Each structure stands twice: as structure tokens, then as C-alpha cells.
Protein backbone atom coordinates (compact mmCIF):
# COMPACT_ATOMS: atom_id res chain seq x y z
CA MET A 1 -15.43 23.10 2.53
CA ALA A 2 -12.81 20.54 1.51
CA LYS A 3 -14.01 16.98 0.98
CA ARG A 4 -12.51 14.43 3.38
CA TYR A 5 -11.56 10.82 2.72
CA ASP A 6 -9.93 8.15 4.83
CA ALA A 7 -7.34 7.70 2.09
CA VAL A 8 -6.34 9.52 -1.08
CA VAL A 9 -4.29 7.55 -3.61
CA ILE A 10 -2.20 9.61 -6.02
CA GLY A 11 -1.96 7.97 -9.44
CA GLY A 12 -4.32 5.65 -11.27
CA GLY A 13 -1.70 3.19 -12.46
CA HIS A 14 -2.09 -0.48 -11.64
CA ASN A 15 -0.32 -0.22 -8.26
CA GLY A 16 -2.37 2.77 -7.14
CA LEU A 17 -5.56 0.98 -8.16
CA VAL A 18 -4.53 -2.21 -6.35
CA ASN A 19 -3.78 -0.17 -3.25
CA ALA A 20 -7.15 1.57 -3.43
CA ALA A 21 -9.00 -1.71 -3.92
CA TYR A 22 -7.50 -3.27 -0.79
CA LEU A 23 -8.09 -0.15 1.31
CA ALA A 24 -11.69 0.12 0.11
CA ARG A 25 -12.30 -3.58 0.79
CA SER A 26 -11.42 -2.89 4.43
CA GLY A 27 -14.20 -0.32 4.65
CA LEU A 28 -12.18 2.88 4.19
CA LYS A 29 -13.51 5.80 2.16
CA VAL A 30 -10.96 5.97 -0.67
CA LEU A 31 -10.37 8.38 -3.55
CA VAL A 32 -7.99 7.72 -6.48
CA LEU A 33 -6.69 10.75 -8.38
CA GLU A 34 -5.32 10.27 -11.91
CA ARG A 35 -3.95 13.25 -13.83
CA ARG A 36 -4.71 11.84 -17.32
CA HIS A 37 -8.07 11.17 -18.97
CA ILE A 38 -7.41 7.43 -18.87
CA LEU A 39 -6.44 4.98 -16.13
CA GLY A 40 -3.42 2.71 -16.14
CA GLY A 41 -0.30 4.89 -16.05
CA ALA A 42 2.08 2.88 -18.23
CA THR A 43 -0.40 -0.03 -18.14
CA LEU A 44 -2.86 1.28 -20.68
CA THR A 45 -4.51 0.68 -24.02
CA GLU A 46 -5.12 3.52 -26.47
CA GLU A 47 -6.36 3.84 -30.05
CA ILE A 48 -3.39 5.59 -31.63
CA VAL A 49 -4.32 4.88 -35.26
CA PRO A 50 -8.07 4.82 -36.09
CA GLY A 51 -9.31 1.27 -35.58
CA PHE A 52 -6.00 0.06 -34.09
CA ARG A 53 -5.63 -0.27 -30.32
CA PHE A 54 -2.18 -0.49 -28.75
CA SER A 55 -0.69 -1.36 -25.40
CA VAL A 56 1.31 1.83 -25.74
CA PHE A 57 4.00 1.26 -23.11
CA SER A 58 3.79 -2.09 -21.31
CA TYR A 59 2.73 -4.92 -23.58
CA VAL A 60 2.83 -8.37 -21.93
CA VAL A 61 1.93 -9.71 -18.49
CA SER A 62 3.44 -12.39 -16.31
CA LEU A 63 4.41 -10.80 -12.99
CA LEU A 64 0.87 -9.86 -11.86
CA ARG A 65 0.61 -11.61 -8.52
CA PRO A 66 -1.82 -14.55 -8.43
CA GLU A 67 -3.03 -13.57 -4.96
CA ILE A 68 -4.16 -10.19 -6.34
CA ILE A 69 -6.01 -11.83 -9.21
CA ARG A 70 -7.67 -14.18 -6.73
CA GLU A 71 -8.41 -11.77 -3.86
CA LEU A 72 -9.74 -8.98 -6.08
CA GLN A 73 -11.62 -11.45 -8.31
CA LEU A 74 -10.19 -9.79 -11.40
CA PRO A 75 -11.66 -12.28 -13.91
CA LYS A 76 -15.09 -11.27 -12.60
CA HIS A 77 -14.17 -7.69 -13.55
CA GLY A 78 -13.13 -8.61 -17.07
CA LEU A 79 -9.51 -9.75 -16.83
CA GLU A 80 -8.64 -12.50 -19.31
CA ILE A 81 -5.01 -13.38 -19.99
CA LEU A 82 -4.28 -15.10 -23.30
CA PRO A 83 -1.06 -17.14 -23.31
CA LEU A 84 1.84 -16.32 -25.60
CA ASP A 85 3.40 -19.44 -27.05
CA GLY A 86 7.14 -19.24 -27.21
CA THR A 87 9.90 -17.05 -28.63
CA ILE A 88 11.55 -17.08 -32.03
CA THR A 89 14.97 -15.52 -32.57
CA PRO A 90 15.36 -14.79 -36.30
CA LEU A 91 18.87 -14.87 -37.79
CA GLU A 92 20.20 -14.12 -41.27
CA ASP A 93 19.62 -17.61 -42.63
CA ASP A 94 18.29 -19.58 -39.66
CA TYR A 95 16.25 -19.20 -36.48
CA LEU A 96 15.92 -20.50 -32.93
CA TRP A 97 12.33 -21.22 -31.92
CA ARG A 98 11.43 -22.15 -28.36
CA VAL A 99 7.82 -22.88 -27.44
CA ASN A 100 5.92 -23.61 -24.25
CA ASP A 101 5.99 -27.35 -24.99
CA HIS A 102 9.23 -28.47 -23.37
CA GLY A 103 9.76 -31.51 -25.57
CA THR A 104 9.42 -29.50 -28.77
CA THR A 105 11.93 -26.95 -27.49
CA VAL A 106 14.46 -29.62 -26.55
CA ARG A 107 14.19 -31.11 -30.04
CA GLU A 108 14.81 -27.65 -31.52
CA LEU A 109 17.87 -27.18 -29.30
CA ARG A 110 19.27 -30.52 -30.44
CA ARG A 111 19.39 -29.02 -33.91
CA TRP A 112 21.85 -26.48 -32.51
CA SER A 113 23.70 -28.30 -29.74
CA LEU A 114 23.24 -31.67 -28.05
CA ASN A 115 24.97 -30.28 -24.98
CA ASP A 116 22.56 -27.34 -24.77
CA ALA A 117 19.54 -29.60 -25.20
CA GLU A 118 20.74 -31.67 -22.26
CA ALA A 119 21.56 -28.60 -20.15
CA TYR A 120 18.15 -27.09 -20.89
CA GLU A 121 16.47 -30.12 -19.32
CA GLU A 122 18.20 -29.22 -16.07
CA TYR A 123 18.16 -25.42 -16.34
CA GLY A 124 14.37 -25.02 -16.54
CA PRO A 125 13.56 -26.94 -13.34
CA LEU A 126 16.45 -25.21 -11.54
CA MET A 127 15.18 -21.73 -12.37
CA ALA A 128 11.64 -22.75 -11.43
CA GLU A 129 13.05 -23.88 -8.08
CA MET A 130 14.77 -20.51 -7.67
CA GLY A 131 11.50 -18.77 -8.55
CA ARG A 132 9.60 -20.78 -5.94
CA PHE A 133 12.29 -20.07 -3.35
CA ILE A 134 12.32 -16.30 -3.88
CA LYS A 135 8.56 -15.96 -4.47
CA PRO A 136 7.67 -15.32 -0.76
CA ILE A 137 9.81 -12.15 -0.81
CA LEU A 138 7.32 -10.66 -3.30
CA SER A 139 4.62 -10.64 -0.65
CA VAL A 140 6.37 -9.24 2.45
CA PRO A 141 7.76 -5.82 3.36
CA PRO A 142 11.54 -5.64 3.70
CA PRO A 143 12.92 -5.32 7.23
CA ASP A 144 14.91 -2.25 8.22
CA PRO A 145 18.48 -3.52 8.70
CA GLY A 146 19.16 -0.56 11.01
CA LYS A 147 16.60 -1.85 13.52
CA LEU A 148 16.66 -5.15 15.35
CA SER A 149 12.89 -5.46 15.35
CA PRO A 150 11.87 -9.15 15.58
CA GLY A 151 8.47 -8.34 14.07
CA GLU A 152 10.06 -7.00 10.89
CA TRP A 153 12.43 -9.94 10.44
CA LEU A 154 9.92 -12.65 11.40
CA PRO A 155 8.34 -13.01 7.90
CA LEU A 156 11.79 -13.82 6.50
CA THR A 157 12.48 -16.59 9.02
CA PRO A 158 10.93 -19.34 6.84
CA LEU A 159 12.97 -18.09 3.88
CA ALA A 160 16.20 -18.25 5.89
CA LYS A 161 15.32 -21.78 6.97
CA GLN A 162 14.52 -22.74 3.38
CA PHE A 163 17.88 -21.37 2.24
CA ARG A 164 19.66 -23.33 4.95
CA ASP A 165 17.88 -26.49 3.83
CA LEU A 166 18.59 -25.99 0.13
CA PRO A 167 21.14 -28.34 -1.42
CA ARG A 168 24.56 -26.69 -1.68
CA ARG A 169 24.22 -26.47 -5.45
CA LEU A 170 20.99 -24.45 -5.21
CA GLN A 171 22.52 -22.17 -2.57
CA THR A 172 25.41 -21.51 -4.95
CA THR A 173 23.02 -20.83 -7.82
CA PHE A 174 21.07 -18.31 -5.75
CA ILE A 175 24.24 -16.41 -4.82
CA GLN A 176 25.32 -16.41 -8.47
CA LEU A 177 21.95 -15.02 -9.55
CA MET A 178 22.25 -12.22 -7.01
CA THR A 179 25.76 -11.17 -8.06
CA MET A 180 26.68 -12.25 -11.59
CA SER A 181 25.94 -10.83 -15.01
CA ALA A 182 23.27 -12.56 -17.07
CA ALA A 183 25.87 -13.42 -19.72
CA ASP A 184 28.33 -14.98 -17.28
CA PHE A 185 25.57 -16.94 -15.56
CA LEU A 186 24.25 -18.34 -18.84
CA ASP A 187 27.77 -19.08 -20.13
CA GLN A 188 27.98 -21.70 -17.40
CA TRP A 189 25.05 -23.52 -18.98
CA PHE A 190 24.91 -23.02 -22.73
CA GLU A 191 27.07 -22.54 -25.82
CA THR A 192 24.52 -21.54 -28.48
CA GLU A 193 24.76 -17.77 -28.98
CA PRO A 194 21.14 -17.04 -30.01
CA LEU A 195 19.92 -19.04 -27.01
CA LYS A 196 22.17 -17.26 -24.52
CA ALA A 197 21.45 -13.85 -25.99
CA THR A 198 17.68 -14.29 -26.01
CA MET A 199 17.65 -15.56 -22.45
CA SER A 200 20.05 -12.85 -21.24
CA ALA A 201 17.77 -10.15 -22.68
CA SER A 202 15.47 -10.65 -19.69
CA GLY A 203 18.36 -9.37 -17.58
CA ILE A 204 18.62 -6.00 -19.30
CA ILE A 205 14.94 -5.08 -19.71
CA GLY A 206 14.42 -1.60 -18.30
CA THR A 207 18.00 -1.26 -16.99
CA PHE A 208 20.89 0.91 -18.10
CA GLN A 209 23.18 -2.10 -18.12
CA GLY A 210 24.40 -4.61 -20.67
CA PRO A 211 24.18 -8.40 -20.48
CA ARG A 212 27.78 -8.49 -19.18
CA SER A 213 27.04 -6.05 -16.33
CA PRO A 214 27.15 -7.63 -12.83
CA GLY A 215 23.69 -7.77 -11.27
CA THR A 216 21.76 -8.45 -14.46
CA ALA A 217 21.41 -12.10 -13.50
CA TYR A 218 19.04 -10.94 -10.75
CA VAL A 219 16.93 -8.99 -13.24
CA LEU A 220 16.76 -12.22 -15.26
CA LEU A 221 15.47 -13.98 -12.14
CA HIS A 222 13.04 -11.11 -11.45
CA HIS A 223 11.38 -11.75 -14.81
CA TYR A 224 11.53 -15.50 -14.31
CA MET A 225 9.37 -15.14 -11.18
CA GLY A 226 6.34 -14.37 -13.31
CA GLU A 227 3.67 -17.04 -13.50
CA ILE A 228 0.34 -17.68 -15.17
CA ASP A 229 -1.88 -20.39 -13.69
CA GLY A 230 1.07 -21.60 -11.61
CA ALA A 231 3.48 -21.95 -14.55
CA PHE A 232 6.69 -20.01 -13.95
CA ARG A 233 8.16 -17.97 -16.83
CA ALA A 234 4.80 -17.99 -18.62
CA TRP A 235 3.87 -14.81 -20.48
CA GLY A 236 0.53 -13.67 -21.79
CA ILE A 237 -1.43 -10.85 -23.37
CA PRO A 238 -4.48 -9.40 -21.61
CA ARG A 239 -7.49 -9.44 -23.91
CA GLY A 240 -8.00 -5.80 -24.83
CA GLY A 241 -4.38 -4.86 -24.13
CA THR A 242 -2.65 -4.07 -20.88
CA GLY A 243 -5.18 -1.35 -20.16
CA ALA A 244 -7.65 -4.15 -19.49
CA ILE A 245 -5.61 -5.02 -16.38
CA ALA A 246 -5.93 -1.49 -15.01
CA TYR A 247 -9.66 -1.37 -15.69
CA ALA A 248 -10.26 -4.79 -14.13
CA ILE A 249 -8.49 -3.60 -10.97
CA ALA A 250 -10.43 -0.33 -11.13
CA GLY A 251 -13.62 -2.37 -11.38
CA ALA A 252 -12.67 -4.24 -8.21
CA ALA A 253 -11.90 -0.96 -6.44
CA LEU A 254 -15.19 0.62 -7.51
CA ALA A 255 -17.11 -2.48 -6.44
CA ALA A 256 -15.50 -2.15 -3.00
CA GLY A 257 -16.67 1.46 -2.76
CA ALA A 258 -13.66 3.46 -3.92
CA GLU A 259 -14.07 6.64 -5.94
CA ILE A 260 -11.87 7.28 -8.98
CA ARG A 261 -11.33 10.65 -10.64
CA THR A 262 -9.49 11.19 -13.90
CA GLU A 263 -8.17 14.53 -15.20
CA ALA A 264 -7.42 15.42 -11.59
CA PRO A 265 -3.67 16.22 -11.40
CA VAL A 266 -2.25 16.72 -7.92
CA ALA A 267 -0.20 19.90 -7.50
CA ARG A 268 0.86 19.45 -3.88
CA ILE A 269 0.65 17.14 -0.89
CA SER A 270 -0.64 19.15 2.06
CA THR A 271 1.25 18.81 5.34
CA HIS A 272 0.88 20.21 8.82
CA GLY A 273 3.02 19.48 11.84
CA GLY A 274 5.11 16.87 10.04
CA ARG A 275 2.18 14.84 8.73
CA ALA A 276 0.30 14.65 5.43
CA ASN A 277 -3.33 15.68 5.71
CA GLY A 278 -4.49 15.76 2.10
CA VAL A 279 -3.72 17.09 -1.37
CA VAL A 280 -4.27 20.20 -3.45
CA LEU A 281 -5.19 19.71 -7.10
CA GLU A 282 -3.87 21.89 -9.91
CA SER A 283 -7.38 23.33 -10.11
CA GLY A 284 -6.94 24.65 -6.56
CA GLU A 285 -9.38 22.14 -5.05
CA GLU A 286 -8.34 20.91 -1.61
CA ILE A 287 -9.03 17.35 -0.48
CA GLU A 288 -8.44 16.21 3.10
CA ALA A 289 -7.33 12.67 3.92
CA GLY A 290 -6.39 10.52 6.87
CA VAL A 291 -3.56 9.07 4.78
CA VAL A 292 -2.03 9.94 1.42
CA MET A 293 -0.81 6.99 -0.65
CA SER A 294 1.51 7.91 -3.53
CA SER A 295 1.94 5.44 -6.37
CA LEU A 296 4.28 7.92 -8.07
CA ASP A 297 8.04 7.47 -8.03
CA SER A 298 10.17 8.93 -5.24
CA ARG A 299 11.31 11.97 -7.24
CA TRP A 300 7.73 12.98 -8.02
CA THR A 301 6.49 12.26 -4.51
CA PHE A 302 9.19 13.90 -2.42
CA ILE A 303 10.75 16.55 -4.67
CA LYS A 304 7.85 17.75 -6.82
CA LEU A 305 4.81 17.38 -4.54
CA LEU A 306 6.19 18.37 -1.12
CA ASP A 307 7.15 21.87 -0.03
CA ASP A 308 10.89 22.48 0.25
CA SER A 309 10.97 22.74 4.04
CA VAL A 310 9.18 19.46 4.76
CA LEU A 311 12.00 16.94 4.28
CA ASP A 312 15.25 16.53 6.16
CA PRO A 313 18.11 17.54 3.79
CA ASP A 314 19.88 14.19 4.27
CA PHE A 315 16.76 12.29 3.23
CA GLU A 316 16.29 14.59 0.26
CA ARG A 317 19.87 13.93 -0.87
CA GLU A 318 19.19 10.18 -0.71
CA VAL A 319 16.10 10.66 -2.87
CA LEU A 320 18.13 12.61 -5.43
CA ARG A 321 20.80 9.88 -5.49
CA TYR A 322 18.24 7.28 -6.57
CA LYS A 323 19.02 6.16 -10.13
CA TYR A 324 16.47 6.21 -12.96
CA ARG A 325 18.48 6.35 -16.21
CA GLY A 326 15.62 5.43 -18.52
CA SER A 327 16.90 3.28 -21.35
CA SER A 328 13.84 1.96 -23.16
CA GLY A 329 11.73 3.09 -26.07
CA LYS A 330 8.75 1.68 -27.91
CA VAL A 331 7.68 1.47 -31.54
CA ASN A 332 4.04 0.63 -32.23
CA LEU A 333 3.06 -0.21 -35.80
CA ALA A 334 -0.35 -0.56 -37.45
CA LEU A 335 -0.16 -3.10 -40.29
CA ASP A 336 -2.54 -3.95 -43.14
CA GLY A 337 -1.27 -7.55 -43.17
CA LEU A 338 1.29 -9.90 -41.68
CA PRO A 339 4.93 -9.44 -42.66
CA GLU A 340 7.05 -12.56 -43.23
CA LEU A 341 10.40 -13.51 -41.80
CA ALA A 342 13.14 -13.96 -44.40
CA CYS A 343 14.59 -16.88 -42.45
CA LYS A 344 11.21 -18.62 -42.02
CA PRO A 345 8.69 -17.45 -44.62
CA GLY A 346 4.98 -17.98 -44.17
CA LYS A 347 2.42 -16.95 -41.57
CA GLY A 348 2.59 -19.76 -39.08
CA GLU A 349 2.60 -20.36 -35.34
CA TRP A 350 6.12 -18.94 -34.94
CA LEU A 351 4.69 -15.41 -35.22
CA ARG A 352 2.22 -15.90 -32.34
CA GLY A 353 4.81 -15.56 -29.58
CA ALA A 354 7.65 -13.14 -28.93
CA ILE A 355 10.08 -12.30 -31.74
CA SER A 356 13.47 -11.48 -30.25
CA PHE A 357 16.14 -9.53 -32.12
CA SER A 358 19.02 -11.00 -30.13
CA PRO A 359 21.35 -13.04 -32.35
CA SER A 360 24.26 -12.97 -29.90
CA ILE A 361 25.46 -11.62 -26.57
CA ASP A 362 27.86 -9.36 -28.50
CA TYR A 363 24.95 -7.91 -30.48
CA ILE A 364 23.18 -6.80 -27.29
CA GLU A 365 26.41 -5.63 -25.65
CA HIS A 366 27.22 -3.49 -28.70
CA ALA A 367 23.72 -2.02 -28.45
CA TYR A 368 24.57 -1.12 -24.85
CA ASP A 369 27.92 0.36 -25.92
CA ASP A 370 26.04 2.96 -27.98
CA ALA A 371 23.81 3.85 -25.02
CA LYS A 372 26.76 4.22 -22.63
CA TYR A 373 27.93 7.13 -24.73
CA GLY A 374 24.53 8.75 -25.03
CA ARG A 375 23.41 7.38 -28.38
CA PRO A 376 20.35 5.27 -29.24
CA SER A 377 21.55 1.81 -30.29
CA SER A 378 22.41 1.68 -33.99
CA ARG A 379 21.21 -1.93 -33.99
CA PRO A 380 18.97 -2.26 -30.94
CA TYR A 381 17.66 -5.25 -29.08
CA ILE A 382 13.96 -5.51 -29.96
CA ASP A 383 11.36 -7.62 -28.19
CA MET A 384 8.43 -7.78 -30.62
CA ILE A 385 4.97 -9.25 -30.44
CA ILE A 386 2.00 -9.21 -32.83
CA PRO A 387 -0.84 -9.30 -30.27
CA THR A 388 -3.60 -9.44 -32.91
CA LEU A 389 -2.60 -13.03 -33.68
CA VAL A 390 -3.80 -13.83 -30.15
CA ASP A 391 -6.40 -11.09 -29.69
CA PRO A 392 -7.83 -10.04 -33.10
CA SER A 393 -10.05 -7.40 -31.45
CA MET A 394 -7.11 -4.97 -31.31
CA ALA A 395 -7.28 -4.14 -35.06
CA PRO A 396 -9.78 -4.19 -37.95
CA PRO A 397 -10.31 -7.61 -39.57
CA GLY A 398 -7.29 -8.73 -41.56
CA ASN A 399 -5.11 -6.03 -40.01
CA HIS A 400 -2.57 -6.28 -37.21
CA VAL A 401 -0.73 -4.30 -34.57
CA MET A 402 2.95 -4.84 -33.89
CA SER A 403 4.45 -3.91 -30.53
CA CYS A 404 8.24 -3.39 -30.38
CA PHE A 405 9.98 -2.86 -27.05
CA VAL A 406 13.39 -1.31 -27.78
CA GLN A 407 16.61 -1.35 -25.79
CA TYR A 408 18.53 0.96 -25.75
CA ALA A 409 17.19 4.49 -26.00
CA PRO A 410 19.02 6.53 -23.33
CA TYR A 411 17.11 9.35 -21.70
CA HIS A 412 20.27 11.46 -21.52
CA LEU A 413 21.75 12.05 -24.98
CA ALA A 414 25.33 13.01 -25.79
CA ASP A 415 26.55 16.34 -27.15
CA ASP A 416 23.68 18.32 -25.63
CA ALA A 417 21.20 16.58 -27.94
CA VAL A 418 17.57 16.40 -26.82
CA TRP A 419 14.65 14.13 -27.57
CA ASP A 420 12.74 16.30 -30.02
CA ASP A 421 10.64 15.46 -33.09
CA ALA A 422 13.72 14.89 -35.25
CA THR A 423 15.52 12.57 -32.80
CA ARG A 424 12.27 10.68 -32.17
CA GLU A 425 11.75 10.16 -35.90
CA ALA A 426 15.37 9.06 -36.41
CA PHE A 427 15.03 6.61 -33.51
CA GLY A 428 11.83 5.10 -34.89
CA GLN A 429 13.05 4.81 -38.45
CA ASN A 430 16.23 3.11 -37.25
CA VAL A 431 14.13 0.55 -35.39
CA ILE A 432 12.11 -0.11 -38.56
CA ASP A 433 15.39 -0.44 -40.51
CA THR A 434 16.49 -3.09 -38.00
CA ILE A 435 13.17 -4.92 -38.28
CA GLU A 436 13.45 -4.80 -42.07
CA GLU A 437 16.65 -6.85 -41.90
CA ARG A 438 14.54 -9.80 -40.70
CA PHE A 439 11.12 -8.81 -42.16
CA PRO A 440 12.00 -7.50 -45.65
CA ASP A 441 8.38 -6.63 -46.46
CA ILE A 442 7.60 -4.74 -43.24
CA ARG A 443 7.46 -1.23 -44.74
CA ARG A 444 4.83 -2.06 -47.34
CA HIS A 445 2.47 -3.23 -44.57
CA ILE A 446 2.81 -0.16 -42.31
CA VAL A 447 -0.31 2.04 -42.34
CA GLY A 448 0.36 3.89 -39.08
CA GLN A 449 3.11 4.23 -36.53
CA GLN A 450 3.97 5.61 -33.12
CA PHE A 451 7.51 6.19 -31.86
CA VAL A 452 7.88 6.49 -28.07
CA THR A 453 11.10 7.78 -26.52
CA PRO A 454 12.01 7.74 -22.80
CA LYS A 455 11.23 11.48 -22.73
CA ASP A 456 7.76 10.69 -24.08
CA ILE A 457 7.31 8.06 -21.38
CA GLU A 458 8.24 10.66 -18.75
CA ASP A 459 6.01 13.38 -20.22
CA ILE A 460 2.96 11.14 -20.67
CA THR A 461 3.11 8.84 -17.64
CA GLY A 462 5.17 10.86 -15.17
CA LEU A 463 7.81 8.12 -14.86
CA SER A 464 11.01 10.04 -14.09
CA GLU A 465 13.53 9.81 -16.94
CA GLY A 466 11.19 7.32 -18.59
CA ASN A 467 12.30 4.47 -16.35
CA ILE A 468 9.61 1.80 -16.69
CA PHE A 469 10.35 0.37 -13.21
CA GLN A 470 10.25 3.73 -11.33
CA GLY A 471 13.99 3.32 -10.78
CA GLU A 472 16.56 0.79 -11.86
CA LEU A 473 16.45 -2.76 -10.53
CA SER A 474 20.15 -2.64 -9.71
CA LEU A 475 21.31 -4.51 -6.62
CA GLU A 476 21.94 -1.39 -4.53
CA GLN A 477 18.34 -0.29 -5.18
CA LEU A 478 16.56 -3.47 -4.14
CA PHE A 479 14.82 -4.80 -1.04
CA PHE A 480 15.61 -2.63 2.03
CA ASN A 481 17.32 0.03 -0.11
CA ARG A 482 14.27 0.69 -2.28
CA PRO A 483 13.67 3.61 -2.63
CA VAL A 484 15.78 5.04 0.23
CA PRO A 485 17.86 3.14 2.79
CA GLY A 486 15.95 3.03 6.05
CA TRP A 487 12.63 3.84 4.38
CA SER A 488 11.77 0.68 2.47
CA ARG A 489 8.64 -0.28 4.41
CA TYR A 490 6.29 1.99 2.40
CA ARG A 491 6.23 4.58 5.19
CA THR A 492 7.98 7.91 4.70
CA PRO A 493 9.50 10.56 7.02
CA VAL A 494 6.23 12.46 6.60
CA ARG A 495 3.69 10.84 8.88
CA ASP A 496 0.57 9.56 7.04
CA LEU A 497 2.32 9.78 3.67
CA TRP A 498 2.96 6.31 2.27
CA MET A 499 4.47 4.99 -0.96
CA CYS A 500 2.74 2.24 -2.94
CA GLY A 501 4.33 2.20 -6.42
CA SER A 502 7.12 0.36 -8.22
CA ALA A 503 9.75 2.60 -6.60
CA THR A 504 9.25 0.40 -3.54
CA HIS A 505 9.87 -3.30 -2.95
CA PRO A 506 9.63 -5.60 -4.88
CA GLY A 507 10.01 -3.28 -7.87
CA GLY A 508 8.60 -2.88 -11.34
CA GLY A 509 6.65 -4.71 -13.97
CA ILE A 510 2.90 -5.27 -14.04
CA MET A 511 3.04 -6.90 -10.64
CA GLY A 512 0.77 -5.04 -8.23
CA ALA A 513 2.73 -6.29 -5.21
CA PRO A 514 3.86 -2.85 -4.00
CA GLY A 515 0.28 -1.58 -4.01
CA ARG A 516 -1.00 -4.61 -2.15
CA ILE A 517 1.73 -4.84 0.49
CA SER A 518 1.56 -1.10 1.20
CA ALA A 519 -2.22 -1.27 1.76
CA LEU A 520 -1.94 -4.31 4.02
CA GLU A 521 0.88 -2.71 6.03
CA TYR A 522 -1.14 0.47 6.52
CA LEU A 523 -4.22 -1.46 7.59
CA LYS A 524 -2.13 -3.49 10.04
CA GLU A 525 -0.71 -0.27 11.54
CA LYS A 526 -4.17 1.27 11.70
CA ARG A 527 -5.50 -1.76 13.62
CA LYS A 528 -2.59 -1.53 16.06
CA GLY A 529 -3.36 2.15 16.62
CA ARG A 530 -6.98 1.34 17.42
CA ARG A 531 -5.92 -1.36 19.92
CA ALA A 532 -3.43 1.01 21.54
CA ALA A 533 -6.17 3.62 21.90
């Protein structure tokens, strides 16, 4: 006889685990099914080289919602976030080094431009104000614009009032952030190329767009909304790697009574009479459920796991129109010592934060030009950290791990090329060549390496086309259009099948908001059903 649960959650990534934790806290009997041997999805830590542990895909944290940390008591379950201090942008014979101390950063900017130092004093508080203004949207479901339902629009009423009360200048800034390119937005503020380029890089993370593409200013704002201990735009490293986040959330879910199974891939979502009533595993095991929550992306959920006849063809076409276009790769290096920057030799504090390969807007745009035509960037944008300078437990004593997020590595390659062993190796070696331009001694320190392409991300994590956000954060795929117009409120056309992953509002990153909002919306609907009965 098939086992029965109140809720089955497909996928043991951080959103699925958050969803399960909230459902279990409400008293529901919950089961999480993860196809791999390890939890976390793209939020995981693995020992790739003996003795060296890597955050294989994701690598820093900022967007994880404070209410989730608080409500699930994640520190009690082992979560500890160690702050990253600043970003250095190495150049051929100079560098730009910004740190968390505002005064120190302003003094550094004066070395480059008095005008930029003055503008920076105003820019930081302005963006923090924008972050505070938009922050409530991260905690509410989007309304359906096709329905004039007061209940759906009510949570946005305070936001509309706040926007009305904003000074005209802040209203203008908000509209600019929603429509402009990151480069054009920053051009209004600054003149120093390394500063503009490094800041604009936040607008192209995980997108198949360049810094001059309209809409990237919003992605910049999306990353600016992250906070640690109330400080906007603060970034940190979880002790033990990003997998520690997943396991802290899993600990909260287990403490609330949820069950979690690994190596349990789902082959099919069972349906009957237009509603989901459970899942069938690849092993043939059947599991019944009152509701099925999918933390997978929309392509996996609707196209791969549902029978062909279940969905309306129009809805299916909308699902297939959803854009993924994975554009990111990763290079993870095991080092037997610290390399040194040519422009700033030594082993000082400047290596403890992010190291951004972004000398100019043109540099990043040229990297995008390669990707537009189906080629990995010949000189890519690289966002690098050396987490062992903050968390030495990730490598043997005296050794280090280096994490390199790479943009651009297009999923779809030109001339019928495919991501095979040879293209992966060429991609990784090119990234090391680029690093070597700033760290001349890097190769003599490498004792192990891992090259991750977007195809690898898809094959290992299930993220379609290797898109780290379960779909691009482009303007037409946000808010009430995410993932399908008319179906942005976590419900789906299949009754009792809900979505709870990054393919839904408010999108990707190690945030947890989709998992939380989806659970709370389901529980609210369940309570209404009980009252109606």
C-alpha cells in the first residue's frame, strides 16, 4: 500500500527545505524527496579534492531572508554567516579596493576621483533606501493582474502609498532601476571605469545580458536587497560552505517533524481528475499526498513530470516560452598556498573579500559579445573569493580553496558545438589564463581543480540550461509573470500541485522567499477550506 503524506515536496534544495519546514511547523505530515545523495540542490558543499571542501555552485550569501533565519531558528541548527569584507578590482598596475568601512572606501575613491567619492556618499544611502522600499515585495505573493481581487492587491497597498509619498527624486530613481541598463544607471553617478564595471557586474549575474542591456539595473537592485544583520548589500560566507545553509534548514524541518529522503528521484507526478494526488519514484514506489509542492523549475515540473494530456496546450506553450539561457560557469581550485596579486603583492586583508575581474564596462560587454554568438568569453568576468581566509576549515592547514564564478559560459554553443570534456577543459584553462594575468603565480599553487559548465549545472542539479535562478530575471519574467502569466501565485492549473522554487516570485539566489511564501499561501488556503466546510 502506498504511503500517504499531507504534503510531498519535490527537491531538497534550500527552497524546498524551507517550504517543508514551514508546512511541518503547522502540523502537516511532510516528506521531502531529493534525487541526489546530498541535500542543497545548487546550495551545497562537497569535497571535490581530498581534504578540500567547495561550495560547488553557489558560493556567497546575502539574500537569505532574515525572517526565515529568525522563524526557523537557523543559528540553533548550525547556521553561522561569516562576513566578507569588501571587493578589490585588480588592474594591470593599480587596483580599486572598497571595504565595508564607508570612510575607508571614500578615501580610496578620492585617489581615483573626487567627484566619485562625493557621489558615493549619496549613492549608498539612496540604494539602501530603494532596498528598504522594495523589500516588502519579497514577502508577498504577486497579484493576478487579470483579476480584480481586492484580497490579492491588498498587501501591495502600503507599497503604493509609500511610492506616492516618496520624494520625486526617489520615484524617478525607482523607475530608472526598473527600466535602465546597469551601465547607463551607473554612468549617471560615476566616472571611474573600474568602479562602474565592478558595480554593474551585479546586474549581469546569472543573466544572458550585458551591462548595457536594458533591465540589468533591476538585477543590480535585486542583489542590493540582500542584508546581513540589517546591513543592506552585505555579503557573507556560511561556515562550512553554502551546504551548511541547506543542512541548517533541513535541521529545522526535521525538528518540526518533516521526513527527508535522499537518492529518491521522482519520475512522475500522479494526477487524477485534474488534481495532483502524489508522486511515483523512479524505483516504481508510489507515494500519496494531499498536496505536491515542486521546488523544481517550471520546465521540469510541467513538461518532464506531468503526463502529456494533463496540461492545457496554451499553458504548456507559455511554459516552453519561459527563458533560461544559462550563462554562468564555475571554476573551483584547490591551492597549496596563497597566490599574490601583481598589482598589490603580499597576503593582506585585500584577499579576504571578493576579487572582481572587471576593469571596465567595455571589458564585461566584450565578454558578453562572445556569449551572444555562442562562445565562452575569451576574457570573462570573474567573481572570485578565497573562502578559507574566512573559514579555514574548508581546506587542510596552510592550504586554500578558490571559488571563481564565471560570466559568460553560454549553454547553447555556436556551430553545433557541445559541452563535452574538451570544451569543459578549454573553458577552465581559459579562466585560469585570465586569472594568471592578475595572479602570475596561480598555476604553481594549484593542486586540484574542478571546471563546471552550464551543462554540468543542469546535469547535476536539474536546473534547466544551467540557469542558476531557475529562469532569467529579465523584466518580462518577474513578479506576476513568473513563471507563467496568470499563474504567479504558486498555484498551478493542476489542483493541489504548487510551485515553491526560484522559478516563482521573487526569483533566484539563496533567498528562501519562494519556499516560505508558497507554504504560507497554501496554509492560508487550507484554513479557508476548513472554515468553508
